[in-house]
């Protein structure tokens, strides 16, 4: 009885340690975005130079994630998790004291080195610590930090920049990181079985080149395919990925064992994870643009509008994870996807007259659907993977999410800009001398400016500028609506995919198997002379 209580306490301590690291790493990915303008002023650099502060972090994360599985097998999850937290903390300290843009970029590289490893390592630690029947709930609590942090980031970052000091967005990580390192060193149990396989050099080089090149191009938001640099980098990236896939499927000790995709639930969960991640991060990126550029809200106000949705998602993830442990992922994923798609579709109808209460309600409803579906799908997939492949599967999981995040933002921003341009052209061609409403509007506005003392010629120009502003605004809203509509379709895609999950079955004999495994380990130890 005492041992059961001790084991239960240990599991929740491990969960706390993993949440600390994951929250820091994911939060930092979003909180820095809002500080770019401030750093441009402090360091005296252009947008292109400052963009590398964000890009360097994302590229290093993308390159190091595939390496995590091998390093975990080689050195153990405890050692690597401590290293990841320490690297992230040191990088945060260096970011906090950076005196120019170059030093900041180097510091972000160090920070990204640790940040890229934290999430897959955290997942691997949880899967090896919690039994199958508790993994959904554990991942649900972990998901609060992994999924809610991107929404909280802009609010927290806006407050820090406006009322405190921008360097605090980095230095805040230092005491938290130190606590995480100490708790990990003292409390985490070392891995029992470490594997010393030959290093897959071709797999590492091809994955690093592929991810870095592709994420670099997609990380620019709207990709200008007329630039030869983007085309060449994308071709090299795709070609490297092809080499990577062929190598991983034929290598005896692959860096990322793609053979885990032969487990159908894992493959299904990766497809669902891709579309839910794209749907989530796309809207997280698009909505602040609408609220700030069109509705005129400040970053802090925008963050507060989106905060309730983050809270709801955080509440639902552990609940849905627990329910998924009992009843399986299929009903939850289908239900959550329907809610997500429906709420996003209704959100696509927003305009200047939509009340902020309605927008907040739809965002909350959408987050509720995501919170219901995301963790059960991930848990169902990972539970199908054999124990010795967990570290490789979590690395693949994190890589897929990283790529889906970049692809979603690039794709949705491209859709928004394209639809915005088409809408602007359609509105503009209607503005002519035969359009009575436009002609009347220009005359009335021009008269208003004239009555205020503006010369007739300037009044006419001001009236045209006002009409241009209205057309631009409506075109932007049209682009946002089209983008949200596409996001709703992403939610619908998950419904037929979820049908491939098998019906959930309880396994009453599981405790016996676990006891037999413990007995087998005891016999092995006795035979090796470790007890006798």
Foldseek 3Di string as FASTA:
>chain_A
DVVVVVLVVLLVLLLVLLLLLLLLLQLLLQQVVVCLVVQCVQQVHDPVLSVLLNLLLLLLLQLQLLQLLQVCLAFNLLVLLLVLLVQLLQLLVQCLPDRHSVSSNVSSNSNSNSSSNSQLSSQLLNPVSDDLLQSQLSVLLSVLSNQLSNLLSLQVSLCCVVPNNNSCSRNVSNVSSVVSSVSSVPRPDTDDHHDDDDDDPLLSVLSSLLRNLVLSQLVVQAHDPVDPSNVVSNVSNVVSVVSNVVCLPPPPDHSFNPVLVVLPLLVLLLLLLLLLLLLRLQCSVLVVCCCCVQVNDDSNVSSVLLNLLSVLLSVLRSVLSNVCSPWNQLVQLQQLLVQLLVLLLVLLPDDNPDDSVSNSVSSNSNSNSSSRHNSRSNSSNLVSGDSSNSSSSSSVSSSSSSSSSSVSSNVLSNQLVVQLVVQLVVVVVCQDPVNVVNVVQLVVQLVVVVVVPDDSVVSSVVSVVVVSVVSSSVSNSNSSSVSSNVSSVSSVVSNVSSVPRDGDDDDPCVVVVVVVVVVVVVVVCVVVVVVD
